[in-house]
Each structure stands twice: as structure tokens, then as C-alpha cells.
Amino acid sequence: MCLAVPGKILDVTGGDPYLRTGRVSFGGIVKQVSLACVPEAKVNDYVLVHVGMALSVVDDQEAAETFSYLEQMGEIEELAAPIPKENP
């Protein structure tokens, strides 16, 4: 299933609107995300992200509600990078 996950923008880099990116926190998991589709997005805004691309800006309440639902469904674990197994 494909989901758009809410995250909070921590910082924004790039002046060209098509190349803007930002570090986005998803409940403590931080990923680099393209902000090309949301030129109005700024630091501390919440955005819905799908496949590394912010699709829209959402308010704090909607972001918290959506994140809570995803946690209940067990979908948040997919955001974390897999932990490499050690060789014995």
C-alpha cells in the first residue's frame, strides 16, 4: 500500500524552486525530501510526503492525527532504515 506520511520540515536548502530540498522529521526519523511541489513550504511546516516528495502542506492537527493513525496501523516502521545484520 502506498501512503503519504506527515513530517515536519527542519531545514530547507536550494534556491531554485525545482531543486529545493529539506530535512523532514517523521516522529524522530529524519529524511531528505524534495520540496519542488510545495514552493510555499517553510521550516516548521508539516508536509505530506510520498516516495521522498512533499506533496502538500498540512496543518499541525491534521499531521498529528495522520501520524497517530499510521502508528496504530504499524506503518511507521517502514520509514526507518533497516538495521544491518552483523556477521558472526
Protein backbone atom coordinates (compact mmCIF):
# COMPACT_ATOMS: atom_id res chain seq x y z
CA MET A 1 0.00 0.00 0.00
CA CYS A 2 1.27 3.49 -0.79
CA LEU A 3 0.93 6.15 1.87
CA ALA A 4 1.76 9.81 2.20
CA VAL A 5 3.27 10.40 5.64
CA PRO A 6 3.26 13.72 7.51
CA GLY A 7 6.59 15.19 8.56
CA LYS A 8 7.90 18.47 9.97
CA ILE A 9 10.39 20.48 7.93
CA LEU A 10 13.60 21.04 9.93
CA ASP A 11 15.54 22.99 7.30
CA VAL A 12 15.37 23.97 3.63
CA THR A 13 18.20 24.12 1.08
CA GLY A 14 18.39 25.23 -2.53
CA GLY A 15 17.27 28.48 -4.10
CA ASP A 16 15.87 27.06 -7.33
CA PRO A 17 12.20 26.09 -6.73
CA TYR A 18 12.69 22.87 -8.73
CA LEU A 19 15.73 21.83 -6.70
CA ARG A 20 14.57 22.77 -3.18
CA THR A 21 15.01 20.04 -0.61
CA GLY A 22 14.64 19.85 3.11
CA ARG A 23 15.34 17.65 6.06
CA VAL A 24 11.98 16.40 7.30
CA SER A 25 11.34 14.68 10.63
CA PHE A 26 8.84 11.85 10.82
CA GLY A 27 8.47 11.37 14.56
CA GLY A 28 12.24 11.49 15.05
CA ILE A 29 13.24 9.72 11.83
CA VAL A 30 14.84 12.36 9.58
CA LYS A 31 14.90 12.05 5.79
CA GLN A 32 15.93 14.33 2.92
CA VAL A 33 12.81 15.25 0.90
CA SER A 34 12.16 17.13 -2.34
CA LEU A 35 10.13 20.31 -1.78
CA ALA A 36 9.72 21.11 -5.51
CA CYS A 37 5.92 20.59 -5.42
CA VAL A 38 5.39 22.79 -2.35
CA PRO A 39 7.17 26.11 -3.02
CA GLU A 40 5.23 27.72 -0.14
CA ALA A 41 6.58 25.22 2.43
CA LYS A 42 8.96 26.61 5.06
CA VAL A 43 10.77 25.49 8.21
CA ASN A 44 8.38 24.18 10.91
CA ASP A 45 5.60 23.47 8.38
CA TYR A 46 4.17 19.97 8.15
CA VAL A 47 4.09 18.32 4.73
CA LEU A 48 2.66 15.06 3.41
CA VAL A 49 5.48 13.05 1.84
CA HIS A 50 5.26 10.15 -0.60
CA VAL A 51 8.34 8.46 -2.06
CA GLY A 52 10.66 11.29 -0.99
CA MET A 53 8.47 14.05 -2.45
CA ALA A 54 6.46 16.52 -0.38
CA LEU A 55 3.01 16.71 -1.99
CA SER A 56 1.19 19.26 0.17
CA VAL A 57 1.42 21.39 3.29
CA VAL A 58 -0.89 20.34 6.15
CA ASP A 59 -1.73 21.93 9.49
CA ASP A 60 -0.36 20.64 12.82
CA GLN A 61 -3.61 18.94 13.84
CA GLU A 62 -4.01 17.01 10.59
CA ALA A 63 -0.35 15.93 10.71
CA ALA A 64 -0.66 14.66 14.31
CA GLU A 65 -3.90 12.81 13.54
CA THR A 66 -2.50 11.13 10.44
CA PHE A 67 0.75 10.18 12.20
CA SER A 68 -1.25 8.66 15.07
CA TYR A 69 -3.29 6.54 12.64
CA LEU A 70 -0.14 5.33 10.90
CA GLU A 71 1.41 4.36 14.24
CA GLN A 72 -1.72 2.40 15.17
CA MET A 73 -1.57 0.59 11.82
CA GLY A 74 2.11 -0.25 12.31
CA GLU A 75 3.15 1.61 9.15
CA ILE A 76 5.75 3.91 10.76
CA GLU A 77 8.44 1.22 10.96
CA GLU A 78 8.79 1.37 7.17
CA LEU A 79 10.35 4.83 7.48
CA ALA A 80 13.35 3.61 9.44
CA ALA A 81 16.35 2.29 7.57
CA PRO A 82 16.87 -1.44 8.04
CA ILE A 83 19.45 -2.35 10.66
CA PRO A 84 22.31 -4.28 9.04
CA LYS A 85 22.88 -7.75 10.45
CA GLU A 86 26.28 -8.45 11.95
CA ASN A 87 28.37 -11.33 10.67
CA PRO A 88 29.03 -13.95 13.39
